[in-house]
């Protein structure tokens, strides 16, 4: 008598990794992720929104051009966003631009930014790939320029007579900027500061190359 074949229990399989983003989507999502990582979480929302780099779909900027750039990028990524402007201060007035993604879109927004950050960071921090495609050789400097554009718009500027610096609380973003500067053929220096990291490039040719690379055509 033939025995019945033994049935093996299916083991739980880990979810299959999401396919990599195409280069154009990657550049936009990576730049948004860098913009958000340049800013501290909204103080009033830390407890309510919980931890995480994307803060429940809310980001605050004290510069209009940073908020405008994030809105432009999210529009290209088909992510709706609301823009609220408030004024503060007495003698020294300031603007606060608060961008918030509607609740029903926040999960997709966080997944997109997480994928963009991970893939973009891997492209910049990884060394040269032998036999890299033409597209990769073209887009890696563009990703570097995207990171620096976000930092110049939303990071804490530290301008001195001899250098241009960016203050950041995010260690990973600081490393990305240093590596991105190298891809743009600019030496950058990373120094720990008081509760932050300072990435700086010297004035003159190096500063000009960084700012020109980060400028939108």
N, C-alpha and C. Protein backbone atom coordinates (compact mmCIF):
# COMPACT_ATOMS: atom_id res chain seq x y z
N UNK A 1 0.86 -1.20 0.00
CA UNK A 1 0.00 0.00 0.00
C UNK A 1 0.89 1.24 0.00
N UNK A 2 0.61 2.11 -0.94
CA UNK A 2 1.43 3.32 -1.05
C UNK A 2 1.01 4.31 0.02
N UNK A 3 2.01 4.88 0.66
CA UNK A 3 1.70 5.90 1.67
C UNK A 3 1.38 7.22 0.99
N UNK A 4 0.54 7.97 1.61
CA UNK A 4 0.18 9.28 1.06
C UNK A 4 1.37 10.22 1.20
N UNK A 5 1.59 11.08 0.22
CA UNK A 5 2.71 12.03 0.34
C UNK A 5 2.55 12.95 1.54
N UNK A 6 3.65 13.17 2.19
CA UNK A 6 3.62 14.05 3.36
C UNK A 6 3.42 15.49 2.94
N UNK A 7 2.50 16.15 3.58
CA UNK A 7 2.23 17.56 3.30
C UNK A 7 3.02 18.43 4.25
N UNK A 8 3.84 19.27 3.71
CA UNK A 8 4.65 20.17 4.54
C UNK A 8 3.87 21.46 4.77
N UNK A 9 3.96 21.93 5.98
CA UNK A 9 3.32 23.20 6.29
C UNK A 9 4.10 24.33 5.63
N UNK A 10 3.37 25.22 5.05
CA UNK A 10 4.03 26.37 4.44
C UNK A 10 4.62 27.25 5.52
N UNK A 11 5.87 27.56 5.37
CA UNK A 11 6.50 28.48 6.30
C UNK A 11 6.14 29.91 5.91
N UNK A 12 5.99 30.77 6.91
CA UNK A 12 5.70 32.17 6.57
C UNK A 12 6.84 32.77 5.78
N UNK A 13 6.51 33.37 4.70
CA UNK A 13 7.53 33.96 3.83
C UNK A 13 7.62 35.46 4.08
N UNK A 14 8.83 35.97 4.13
CA UNK A 14 8.95 37.43 4.28
C UNK A 14 8.40 38.13 3.05
N UNK A 15 7.84 39.32 3.24
CA UNK A 15 7.30 40.03 2.08
C UNK A 15 8.39 40.31 1.06
N UNK A 16 8.05 40.17 -0.19
CA UNK A 16 9.03 40.41 -1.24
C UNK A 16 9.37 41.89 -1.29
N UNK A 17 10.63 42.22 -1.51
CA UNK A 17 11.02 43.63 -1.54
C UNK A 17 10.36 44.36 -2.70
N UNK A 18 10.06 45.63 -2.44
CA UNK A 18 9.43 46.44 -3.49
C UNK A 18 10.44 46.67 -4.61
N UNK A 19 9.97 46.75 -5.85
CA UNK A 19 10.90 47.00 -6.95
C UNK A 19 11.55 48.37 -6.79
N UNK A 20 12.77 48.53 -7.27
CA UNK A 20 13.43 49.83 -7.14
C UNK A 20 12.69 50.91 -7.91
N UNK A 21 12.79 52.14 -7.41
CA UNK A 21 12.16 53.27 -8.08
C UNK A 21 12.92 53.59 -9.36
N UNK A 22 12.21 54.07 -10.36
CA UNK A 22 12.90 54.56 -11.55
C UNK A 22 13.67 55.81 -11.17
N UNK A 23 14.64 56.19 -11.99
CA UNK A 23 15.56 57.25 -11.62
C UNK A 23 14.87 58.58 -11.38
N UNK A 24 13.90 58.94 -12.20
CA UNK A 24 13.24 60.23 -12.04
C UNK A 24 12.43 60.27 -10.74
N UNK A 25 11.68 59.19 -10.46
CA UNK A 25 10.92 59.12 -9.22
C UNK A 25 11.87 59.10 -8.03
N UNK A 26 12.96 58.36 -8.16
CA UNK A 26 13.94 58.28 -7.07
C UNK A 26 14.49 59.66 -6.73
N UNK A 27 14.88 60.43 -7.73
CA UNK A 27 15.46 61.75 -7.47
C UNK A 27 14.48 62.64 -6.72
N UNK A 28 13.20 62.62 -7.11
CA UNK A 28 12.20 63.46 -6.45
C UNK A 28 11.93 62.98 -5.02
N UNK A 29 11.73 61.66 -4.85
CA UNK A 29 11.44 61.14 -3.52
C UNK A 29 12.63 61.31 -2.58
N UNK A 30 13.84 61.14 -3.11
CA UNK A 30 15.05 61.30 -2.30
C UNK A 30 15.20 62.74 -1.85
N UNK A 31 14.91 63.69 -2.73
CA UNK A 31 15.04 65.10 -2.35
C UNK A 31 14.01 65.47 -1.29
N UNK A 32 12.78 64.97 -1.41
CA UNK A 32 11.78 65.24 -0.37
C UNK A 32 12.25 64.67 0.96
N UNK A 33 12.76 63.44 0.95
CA UNK A 33 13.24 62.83 2.18
C UNK A 33 14.35 63.67 2.80
N UNK A 34 15.25 64.20 1.98
CA UNK A 34 16.32 65.05 2.50
C UNK A 34 15.77 66.35 3.08
N UNK A 35 14.80 66.94 2.41
CA UNK A 35 14.18 68.16 2.93
C UNK A 35 13.60 67.93 4.32
N UNK A 36 12.87 66.83 4.47
CA UNK A 36 12.24 66.55 5.76
C UNK A 36 13.30 66.27 6.82
N UNK A 37 14.35 65.55 6.47
CA UNK A 37 15.40 65.22 7.43
C UNK A 37 16.22 66.43 7.85
N UNK A 38 16.15 67.51 7.08
CA UNK A 38 16.88 68.74 7.44
C UNK A 38 16.22 69.48 8.59
N UNK A 39 14.96 69.22 8.86
CA UNK A 39 14.21 70.00 9.82
C UNK A 39 13.88 69.18 11.06
N UNK A 40 13.78 69.83 12.23
CA UNK A 40 13.36 69.09 13.43
C UNK A 40 11.87 68.76 13.35
N UNK A 41 11.43 67.75 14.06
CA UNK A 41 10.00 67.42 14.04
C UNK A 41 9.19 68.54 14.67
N UNK A 42 7.96 68.77 14.20
CA UNK A 42 7.11 69.79 14.82
C UNK A 42 6.94 69.50 16.31
N UNK A 43 7.32 70.47 17.16
CA UNK A 43 7.35 70.22 18.60
C UNK A 43 6.00 69.80 19.15
N UNK A 44 4.92 70.41 18.65
CA UNK A 44 3.59 70.12 19.18
C UNK A 44 3.09 68.74 18.78
N UNK A 45 3.75 68.10 17.81
CA UNK A 45 3.22 66.86 17.26
C UNK A 45 4.08 65.64 17.57
N UNK A 46 5.17 65.81 18.33
CA UNK A 46 6.08 64.69 18.54
C UNK A 46 5.37 63.53 19.23
N UNK A 47 4.65 63.81 20.30
CA UNK A 47 3.98 62.74 21.02
C UNK A 47 2.82 62.17 20.22
N UNK A 48 2.04 63.04 19.61
CA UNK A 48 0.84 62.57 18.90
C UNK A 48 1.21 61.77 17.67
N UNK A 49 2.25 62.18 16.96
CA UNK A 49 2.61 61.51 15.72
C UNK A 49 3.55 60.34 15.92
N UNK A 50 4.21 60.29 17.07
CA UNK A 50 5.15 59.19 17.31
C UNK A 50 6.48 59.44 16.63
N UNK A 51 7.37 58.49 16.79
CA UNK A 51 8.71 58.64 16.24
C UNK A 51 8.71 58.23 14.78
N UNK A 52 9.79 58.56 14.11
CA UNK A 52 9.91 58.22 12.70
C UNK A 52 10.37 59.42 11.92
N UNK A 53 11.17 59.19 10.88
CA UNK A 53 11.75 60.32 10.15
C UNK A 53 10.74 61.14 9.37
N UNK A 54 9.54 60.60 9.11
CA UNK A 54 8.59 61.32 8.25
C UNK A 54 7.40 61.87 9.02
N UNK A 55 7.37 61.73 10.34
CA UNK A 55 6.57 62.53 11.27
C UNK A 55 5.11 62.63 10.91
N UNK A 56 4.54 61.52 10.51
CA UNK A 56 3.11 61.53 10.23
C UNK A 56 2.70 62.41 9.08
N UNK A 57 3.62 62.66 8.14
CA UNK A 57 3.26 63.45 6.97
C UNK A 57 3.26 64.95 7.19
N UNK A 58 3.95 65.42 8.23
CA UNK A 58 3.98 66.86 8.55
C UNK A 58 5.43 67.35 8.55
N UNK A 59 5.66 68.48 7.92
CA UNK A 59 7.00 69.10 7.92
C UNK A 59 6.82 70.60 8.04
N UNK A 60 7.73 71.25 8.75
CA UNK A 60 7.67 72.70 8.94
C UNK A 60 8.98 73.33 8.48
N UNK A 61 8.84 74.44 7.75
CA UNK A 61 9.99 75.16 7.23
C UNK A 61 9.86 76.64 7.58
N UNK A 62 10.99 77.29 7.80
CA UNK A 62 10.96 78.73 8.04
C UNK A 62 11.35 79.52 6.80
N UNK A 63 11.44 78.81 5.67
CA UNK A 63 11.74 79.49 4.40
C UNK A 63 10.69 79.10 3.37
N UNK A 64 10.18 80.10 2.68
CA UNK A 64 9.13 79.85 1.69
C UNK A 64 9.64 79.00 0.53
N UNK A 65 10.90 79.24 0.10
CA UNK A 65 11.40 78.49 -1.05
C UNK A 65 11.55 77.00 -0.75
N UNK A 66 11.85 76.65 0.51
CA UNK A 66 11.92 75.23 0.87
C UNK A 66 10.55 74.59 0.81
N UNK A 67 9.53 75.29 1.34
CA UNK A 67 8.16 74.77 1.29
C UNK A 67 7.67 74.66 -0.15
N UNK A 68 8.00 75.67 -0.95
CA UNK A 68 7.58 75.64 -2.36
C UNK A 68 8.22 74.46 -3.09
N UNK A 69 9.49 74.19 -2.82
CA UNK A 69 10.16 73.08 -3.49
C UNK A 69 9.55 71.74 -3.08
N UNK A 70 9.22 71.58 -1.80
CA UNK A 70 8.61 70.32 -1.37
C UNK A 70 7.24 70.13 -2.00
N UNK A 71 6.46 71.21 -2.08
CA UNK A 71 5.16 71.11 -2.74
C UNK A 71 5.31 70.73 -4.20
N UNK A 72 6.28 71.32 -4.87
CA UNK A 72 6.51 71.01 -6.28
C UNK A 72 6.87 69.54 -6.48
N UNK A 73 7.74 69.02 -5.62
CA UNK A 73 8.16 67.63 -5.74
C UNK A 73 7.00 66.68 -5.45
N UNK A 74 6.23 66.97 -4.40
CA UNK A 74 5.10 66.09 -4.07
C UNK A 74 4.04 66.11 -5.15
N UNK A 75 3.88 67.25 -5.79
CA UNK A 75 2.93 67.31 -6.91
C UNK A 75 3.37 66.39 -8.04
N UNK A 76 4.67 66.38 -8.32
CA UNK A 76 5.17 65.47 -9.36
C UNK A 76 5.04 64.01 -8.96
N UNK A 77 5.06 63.74 -7.66
CA UNK A 77 4.92 62.38 -7.17
C UNK A 77 3.47 61.98 -6.92
N UNK A 78 2.54 62.86 -7.28
CA UNK A 78 1.10 62.61 -7.10
C UNK A 78 0.73 62.41 -5.64
N UNK A 79 1.37 63.17 -4.76
CA UNK A 79 1.04 63.14 -3.33
C UNK A 79 0.41 64.48 -2.97
N UNK A 80 -0.86 64.52 -2.56
CA UNK A 80 -1.48 65.79 -2.19
C UNK A 80 -0.89 66.32 -0.89
N UNK A 81 -0.84 67.63 -0.77
CA UNK A 81 -0.29 68.24 0.44
C UNK A 81 -1.00 69.57 0.68
N UNK A 82 -1.19 69.89 1.94
CA UNK A 82 -1.81 71.16 2.35
C UNK A 82 -0.72 72.08 2.91
N UNK A 83 -0.82 73.35 2.60
CA UNK A 83 0.20 74.33 2.99
C UNK A 83 -0.46 75.38 3.88
N UNK A 84 0.05 75.50 5.10
CA UNK A 84 -0.47 76.48 6.05
C UNK A 84 0.65 77.44 6.44
N UNK A 85 0.36 78.73 6.38
CA UNK A 85 1.35 79.76 6.72
C UNK A 85 0.92 80.46 7.99
N UNK A 86 1.83 80.54 8.96
CA UNK A 86 1.58 81.29 10.18
C UNK A 86 2.72 82.28 10.40
N UNK A 87 2.40 83.36 11.09
CA UNK A 87 3.39 84.39 11.41
C UNK A 87 3.61 84.40 12.90
N UNK A 88 4.84 84.70 13.31
CA UNK A 88 5.17 84.74 14.73
C UNK A 88 6.18 85.81 15.04
N UNK A 89 6.49 85.93 16.31
CA UNK A 89 7.49 86.91 16.74
C UNK A 89 6.89 88.28 16.99
N UNK A 90 7.62 89.09 17.74
CA UNK A 90 7.19 90.45 18.05
C UNK A 90 8.09 91.44 17.32
N UNK A 91 9.25 91.69 17.84
CA UNK A 91 10.18 92.59 17.16
C UNK A 91 10.74 91.95 15.90
N UNK A 92 11.07 90.69 16.02
CA UNK A 92 11.62 89.98 14.86
C UNK A 92 10.56 89.01 14.35
N UNK A 93 9.90 89.38 13.29
CA UNK A 93 8.83 88.57 12.73
C UNK A 93 9.41 87.41 11.92
N UNK A 94 8.71 86.30 11.92
CA UNK A 94 9.16 85.17 11.12
C UNK A 94 7.94 84.44 10.56
N UNK A 95 8.17 83.70 9.50
CA UNK A 95 7.13 82.89 8.87
C UNK A 95 7.39 81.42 9.17
N UNK A 96 6.31 80.68 9.34
CA UNK A 96 6.41 79.23 9.51
C UNK A 96 5.49 78.57 8.49
N UNK A 97 6.09 77.79 7.62
CA UNK A 97 5.35 77.10 6.57
C UNK A 97 5.17 75.65 6.99
N UNK A 98 3.93 75.27 7.18
CA UNK A 98 3.60 73.91 7.64
C UNK A 98 2.94 73.15 6.50
N UNK A 99 3.58 72.06 6.09
CA UNK A 99 3.05 71.22 5.03
C UNK A 99 2.55 69.92 5.66
N UNK A 100 1.34 69.52 5.30
CA UNK A 100 0.78 68.29 5.86
C UNK A 100 0.11 67.48 4.76
N UNK A 101 0.41 66.19 4.74
CA UNK A 101 -0.20 65.27 3.79
C UNK A 101 -1.50 64.76 4.41
N UNK A 102 -2.60 64.75 3.67
CA UNK A 102 -3.86 64.24 4.23
C UNK A 102 -3.70 62.83 4.80
N UNK A 103 -4.45 62.55 5.84
CA UNK A 103 -4.29 61.30 6.58
C UNK A 103 -4.36 60.07 5.68
N UNK A 104 -5.28 60.07 4.73
CA UNK A 104 -5.46 58.88 3.91
C UNK A 104 -4.30 58.63 2.95
N UNK A 105 -3.42 59.61 2.79
CA UNK A 105 -2.28 59.45 1.88
C UNK A 105 -0.95 59.29 2.63
N UNK A 106 -0.98 59.32 3.96
CA UNK A 106 0.28 59.34 4.72
C UNK A 106 1.04 58.04 4.64
N UNK A 107 0.35 56.92 4.60
CA UNK A 107 1.06 55.64 4.52
C UNK A 107 1.82 55.52 3.21
N UNK A 108 1.16 55.88 2.10
CA UNK A 108 1.84 55.83 0.80
C UNK A 108 2.99 56.83 0.75
N UNK A 109 2.78 58.01 1.33
CA UNK A 109 3.82 59.04 1.38
C UNK A 109 5.05 58.53 2.13
N UNK A 110 4.83 57.94 3.32
CA UNK A 110 5.96 57.43 4.11
C UNK A 110 6.68 56.30 3.39
N UNK A 111 5.94 55.42 2.75
CA UNK A 111 6.57 54.31 2.02
C UNK A 111 7.41 54.82 0.86
N UNK A 112 6.89 55.83 0.15
CA UNK A 112 7.62 56.39 -0.98
C UNK A 112 8.90 57.07 -0.52
N UNK A 113 8.82 57.87 0.55
CA UNK A 113 10.01 58.55 1.03
C UNK A 113 11.03 57.57 1.61
N UNK A 114 10.54 56.53 2.28
CA UNK A 114 11.45 55.53 2.82
C UNK A 114 12.20 54.82 1.70
N UNK A 115 11.48 54.44 0.65
CA UNK A 115 12.13 53.79 -0.49
C UNK A 115 13.11 54.74 -1.17
N UNK A 116 12.70 56.00 -1.36
CA UNK A 116 13.57 56.98 -2.00
C UNK A 116 14.84 57.22 -1.19
N UNK A 117 14.69 57.35 0.14
CA UNK A 117 15.85 57.59 0.99
C UNK A 117 16.80 56.39 0.98
N UNK A 118 16.28 55.20 1.16
CA UNK A 118 17.13 54.02 1.22
C UNK A 118 17.88 53.81 -0.11
N UNK A 119 17.15 53.93 -1.21
CA UNK A 119 17.78 53.69 -2.50
C UNK A 119 18.77 54.80 -2.84
N UNK A 120 18.39 56.06 -2.58
CA UNK A 120 19.29 57.17 -2.86
C UNK A 120 20.53 57.14 -1.98
N UNK A 121 20.35 56.84 -0.71
CA UNK A 121 21.50 56.75 0.21
C UNK A 121 22.44 55.65 -0.23
N UNK A 122 21.89 54.51 -0.64
CA UNK A 122 22.72 53.40 -1.10
C UNK A 122 23.51 53.78 -2.34
N UNK A 123 22.89 54.52 -3.25
CA UNK A 123 23.59 54.93 -4.47
C UNK A 123 24.75 55.87 -4.15
N UNK A 124 24.56 56.77 -3.20
CA UNK A 124 25.59 57.76 -2.91
C UNK A 124 26.69 57.22 -2.01
N UNK A 125 26.34 56.41 -1.03
CA UNK A 125 27.36 55.93 -0.10
C UNK A 125 28.13 54.73 -0.64
N UNK A 126 27.55 54.03 -1.62
CA UNK A 126 28.26 52.92 -2.22
C UNK A 126 29.40 53.41 -3.10
N UNK A 127 30.42 52.62 -3.20
CA UNK A 127 31.55 53.00 -4.03
C UNK A 127 31.25 52.84 -5.51
N UNK A 128 32.19 53.20 -6.36
CA UNK A 128 32.00 53.03 -7.81
C UNK A 128 31.72 51.57 -8.16
N UNK A 129 30.76 51.36 -9.03
CA UNK A 129 30.39 50.02 -9.44
C UNK A 129 31.06 49.72 -10.78
N UNK A 130 31.92 48.70 -10.84
CA UNK A 130 32.56 48.37 -12.14
C UNK A 130 31.50 48.05 -13.18
N UNK A 131 31.64 48.62 -14.34
CA UNK A 131 30.68 48.37 -15.40
C UNK A 131 29.33 49.00 -15.17
N UNK A 132 29.27 50.08 -14.37
CA UNK A 132 27.99 50.73 -14.10
C UNK A 132 27.37 51.24 -15.40
N UNK A 133 26.06 51.21 -15.44
CA UNK A 133 25.35 51.65 -16.64
C UNK A 133 25.52 53.15 -16.83
N UNK A 134 25.24 53.60 -18.03
CA UNK A 134 25.30 55.03 -18.32
C UNK A 134 24.31 55.79 -17.46
N UNK A 135 23.12 55.21 -17.26
CA UNK A 135 22.11 55.88 -16.44
C UNK A 135 22.61 56.08 -15.01
N UNK A 136 23.24 55.06 -14.44
CA UNK A 136 23.75 55.19 -13.06
C UNK A 136 24.84 56.24 -12.98
N UNK A 137 25.74 56.26 -13.94
CA UNK A 137 26.81 57.26 -13.93
C UNK A 137 26.24 58.67 -14.08
N UNK A 138 25.13 58.79 -14.76
CA UNK A 138 24.49 60.09 -14.96
C UNK A 138 23.71 60.54 -13.74
N UNK A 139 22.99 59.60 -13.10
CA UNK A 139 22.06 59.97 -12.05
C UNK A 139 22.69 60.08 -10.67
N UNK A 140 23.80 59.42 -10.42
CA UNK A 140 24.41 59.54 -9.09
C UNK A 140 24.80 60.99 -8.77
N UNK A 141 25.46 61.73 -9.68
CA UNK A 141 25.70 63.15 -9.39
C UNK A 141 24.41 63.96 -9.26
N UNK A 142 23.36 63.58 -9.97
CA UNK A 142 22.09 64.28 -9.83
C UNK A 142 21.49 64.06 -8.45
N UNK A 143 21.63 62.85 -7.93
CA UNK A 143 21.17 62.59 -6.56
C UNK A 143 21.99 63.40 -5.56
N UNK A 144 23.29 63.50 -5.79
CA UNK A 144 24.14 64.32 -4.93
C UNK A 144 23.68 65.77 -4.94
N UNK A 145 23.37 66.28 -6.14
CA UNK A 145 22.89 67.65 -6.25
C UNK A 145 21.54 67.82 -5.54
N UNK A 146 20.68 66.81 -5.61
CA UNK A 146 19.38 66.87 -4.92
C UNK A 146 19.56 66.99 -3.42
N UNK A 147 20.48 66.20 -2.87
CA UNK A 147 20.73 66.25 -1.43
C UNK A 147 21.24 67.62 -1.01
N UNK A 148 22.17 68.17 -1.77
CA UNK A 148 22.70 69.49 -1.43
C UNK A 148 21.65 70.59 -1.64
N UNK A 149 20.81 70.45 -2.65
CA UNK A 149 19.74 71.44 -2.84
C UNK A 149 18.82 71.47 -1.62
N UNK A 150 18.44 70.29 -1.14
CA UNK A 150 17.59 70.21 0.05
C UNK A 150 18.28 70.84 1.26
N UNK A 151 19.57 70.55 1.43
CA UNK A 151 20.30 71.08 2.58
C UNK A 151 20.43 72.60 2.51
N UNK A 152 20.69 73.13 1.32
CA UNK A 152 20.82 74.59 1.19
C UNK A 152 19.48 75.29 1.40
N UNK A 153 18.39 74.61 1.07
CA UNK A 153 17.07 75.22 1.26
C UNK A 153 16.58 75.11 2.71
N UNK A 154 16.79 73.95 3.32
CA UNK A 154 16.13 73.69 4.61
C UNK A 154 17.08 73.46 5.77
N UNK A 155 18.37 73.29 5.52
CA UNK A 155 19.31 73.06 6.61
C UNK A 155 19.67 74.36 7.31
N UNK A 156 20.36 74.23 8.44
CA UNK A 156 20.81 75.41 9.17
C UNK A 156 22.08 75.96 8.56
N UNK A 157 22.01 77.12 7.97
CA UNK A 157 23.18 77.69 7.29
C UNK A 157 24.21 78.18 8.31
N UNK A 158 25.46 77.92 8.00
CA UNK A 158 26.59 78.35 8.83
C UNK A 158 27.59 78.98 7.87
N UNK A 159 27.42 80.28 7.64
CA UNK A 159 28.22 80.97 6.64
C UNK A 159 29.34 81.75 7.33
N UNK A 160 30.55 81.51 6.91
CA UNK A 160 31.71 82.23 7.42
C UNK A 160 32.51 82.76 6.24
N UNK A 161 33.50 83.58 6.55
CA UNK A 161 34.29 84.20 5.48
C UNK A 161 35.02 83.16 4.65
N UNK A 162 35.36 82.03 5.27
CA UNK A 162 36.18 81.04 4.57
C UNK A 162 35.39 79.82 4.11
N UNK A 163 34.12 79.68 4.52
CA UNK A 163 33.41 78.45 4.18
C UNK A 163 31.90 78.65 4.19
N UNK A 164 31.23 77.71 3.57
CA UNK A 164 29.78 77.57 3.64
C UNK A 164 29.49 76.27 4.37
N UNK A 165 28.73 76.36 5.44
CA UNK A 165 28.43 75.17 6.23
C UNK A 165 26.94 74.94 6.37
N UNK A 166 26.57 73.69 6.63
CA UNK A 166 25.18 73.30 6.88
C UNK A 166 25.15 72.55 8.20
N UNK A 167 24.31 73.01 9.13
CA UNK A 167 24.11 72.30 10.39
C UNK A 167 22.96 71.31 10.23
N UNK A 168 23.21 70.08 10.69
CA UNK A 168 22.20 69.03 10.57
C UNK A 168 22.18 68.21 11.85
N UNK A 169 20.99 67.75 12.22
CA UNK A 169 20.87 66.83 13.35
C UNK A 169 20.95 65.38 12.90
N UNK A 170 20.79 65.13 11.61
CA UNK A 170 20.72 63.77 11.06
C UNK A 170 22.11 63.32 10.61
N UNK A 171 22.67 62.35 11.30
CA UNK A 171 24.02 61.87 10.98
C UNK A 171 24.08 61.26 9.57
N UNK A 172 23.07 60.48 9.21
CA UNK A 172 23.08 59.84 7.89
C UNK A 172 23.05 60.87 6.77
N UNK A 173 22.25 61.92 6.94
CA UNK A 173 22.20 62.95 5.92
C UNK A 173 23.53 63.69 5.81
N UNK A 174 24.18 63.91 6.94
CA UNK A 174 25.50 64.55 6.91
C UNK A 174 26.48 63.71 6.11
N UNK A 175 26.46 62.39 6.31
CA UNK A 175 27.35 61.51 5.55
C UNK A 175 27.01 61.54 4.07
N UNK A 176 25.72 61.59 3.75
CA UNK A 176 25.30 61.66 2.35
C UNK A 176 25.82 62.94 1.70
N UNK A 177 25.78 64.06 2.42
CA UNK A 177 26.27 65.32 1.86
C UNK A 177 27.77 65.27 1.59
N UNK A 178 28.51 64.67 2.50
CA UNK A 178 29.96 64.57 2.30
C UNK A 178 30.26 63.72 1.07
N UNK A 179 29.59 62.58 0.96
CA UNK A 179 29.82 61.72 -0.20
C UNK A 179 29.30 62.37 -1.48
N UNK A 180 28.16 63.07 -1.36
CA UNK A 180 27.62 63.75 -2.53
C UNK A 180 28.55 64.84 -3.02
N UNK A 181 29.18 65.57 -2.10
CA UNK A 181 30.13 66.60 -2.51
C UNK A 181 31.30 65.97 -3.27
N UNK A 182 31.77 64.80 -2.81
CA UNK A 182 32.87 64.13 -3.51
C UNK A 182 32.47 63.76 -4.93
N UNK A 183 31.22 63.31 -5.13
CA UNK A 183 30.75 63.00 -6.47
C UNK A 183 30.69 64.24 -7.36
N UNK A 184 30.50 65.40 -6.73
CA UNK A 184 30.49 66.66 -7.46
C UNK A 184 31.88 67.27 -7.54
N UNK A 185 32.89 66.49 -7.13
CA UNK A 185 34.30 66.89 -7.19
C UNK A 185 34.59 68.09 -6.29
N UNK A 186 33.97 68.04 -5.11
CA UNK A 186 34.19 69.09 -4.11
C UNK A 186 34.53 68.41 -2.79
N UNK A 187 35.65 68.76 -2.14
CA UNK A 187 35.94 68.20 -0.82
C UNK A 187 35.08 68.87 0.24
N UNK A 188 34.47 68.06 1.09
CA UNK A 188 33.64 68.57 2.19
C UNK A 188 34.17 68.03 3.50
N UNK A 189 33.99 68.80 4.56
CA UNK A 189 34.48 68.43 5.88
C UNK A 189 33.28 68.23 6.80
N UNK A 190 33.32 67.16 7.57
CA UNK A 190 32.26 66.86 8.54
C UNK A 190 32.83 67.01 9.94
N UNK A 191 32.22 67.88 10.75
CA UNK A 191 32.64 68.08 12.13
C UNK A 191 31.43 67.94 13.06
N UNK A 192 31.61 67.27 14.18
CA UNK A 192 30.53 67.24 15.17
C UNK A 192 30.42 68.58 15.86
N UNK A 193 29.19 69.02 16.08
CA UNK A 193 28.95 70.27 16.79
C UNK A 193 28.18 70.01 18.06
N UNK A 194 27.63 71.06 18.64
CA UNK A 194 26.85 70.93 19.86
C UNK A 194 25.45 70.44 19.50
N UNK A 195 25.24 69.14 19.63
CA UNK A 195 23.94 68.58 19.30
C UNK A 195 23.64 68.50 17.82
N UNK A 196 24.67 68.66 16.99
CA UNK A 196 24.45 68.62 15.54
C UNK A 196 25.73 68.21 14.84
N UNK A 197 25.65 68.15 13.52
CA UNK A 197 26.80 67.89 12.68
C UNK A 197 26.93 69.05 11.70
N UNK A 198 28.16 69.45 11.44
CA UNK A 198 28.41 70.56 10.53
C UNK A 198 29.17 70.04 9.32
N UNK A 199 28.55 70.21 8.15
CA UNK A 199 29.18 69.85 6.88
C UNK A 199 29.54 71.16 6.18
N UNK A 200 30.80 71.32 5.81
CA UNK A 200 31.22 72.59 5.22
C UNK A 200 32.09 72.37 4.00
N UNK A 201 32.02 73.35 3.09
CA UNK A 201 32.90 73.40 1.92
C UNK A 201 33.53 74.79 1.90
N UNK A 202 34.73 74.87 1.37
CA UNK A 202 35.44 76.15 1.38
C UNK A 202 34.84 77.11 0.37
N UNK A 203 35.00 78.39 0.66
CA UNK A 203 34.53 79.43 -0.27
C UNK A 203 35.37 79.41 -1.54
N UNK A 204 34.85 80.11 -2.53
CA UNK A 204 35.56 80.16 -3.80
C UNK A 204 35.04 79.12 -4.77
N UNK A 205 35.95 78.44 -5.43
CA UNK A 205 35.57 77.49 -6.48
C UNK A 205 34.68 76.37 -5.96
N UNK A 206 35.01 75.83 -4.78
CA UNK A 206 34.26 74.69 -4.25
C UNK A 206 32.82 75.09 -3.89
N UNK A 207 32.68 76.21 -3.23
CA UNK A 207 31.33 76.67 -2.90
C UNK A 207 30.53 76.96 -4.17
N UNK A 208 31.17 77.57 -5.15
CA UNK A 208 30.48 77.89 -6.40
C UNK A 208 30.01 76.62 -7.10
N UNK A 209 30.83 75.57 -7.08
CA UNK A 209 30.45 74.33 -7.76
C UNK A 209 29.26 73.67 -7.07
N UNK A 210 29.25 73.71 -5.74
CA UNK A 210 28.12 73.13 -5.00
C UNK A 210 26.83 73.89 -5.29
N UNK A 211 26.90 75.21 -5.20
CA UNK A 211 25.68 76.00 -5.40
C UNK A 211 25.19 75.92 -6.84
N UNK A 212 26.10 75.88 -7.79
CA UNK A 212 25.69 75.77 -9.19
C UNK A 212 25.07 74.39 -9.47
N UNK A 213 25.62 73.35 -8.87
CA UNK A 213 25.07 72.00 -9.06
C UNK A 213 23.68 71.90 -8.47
N UNK A 214 23.45 72.60 -7.35
CA UNK A 214 22.17 72.50 -6.65
C UNK A 214 21.12 73.44 -7.24
N UNK A 215 21.53 74.35 -8.10
CA UNK A 215 20.57 75.30 -8.67
C UNK A 215 19.74 74.61 -9.75
N UNK A 216 18.43 74.84 -9.69
CA UNK A 216 17.54 74.26 -10.70
C UNK A 216 17.70 75.01 -12.01
N UNK A 217 17.71 74.25 -13.09
CA UNK A 217 17.80 74.88 -14.38
C UNK A 217 16.49 75.50 -14.80
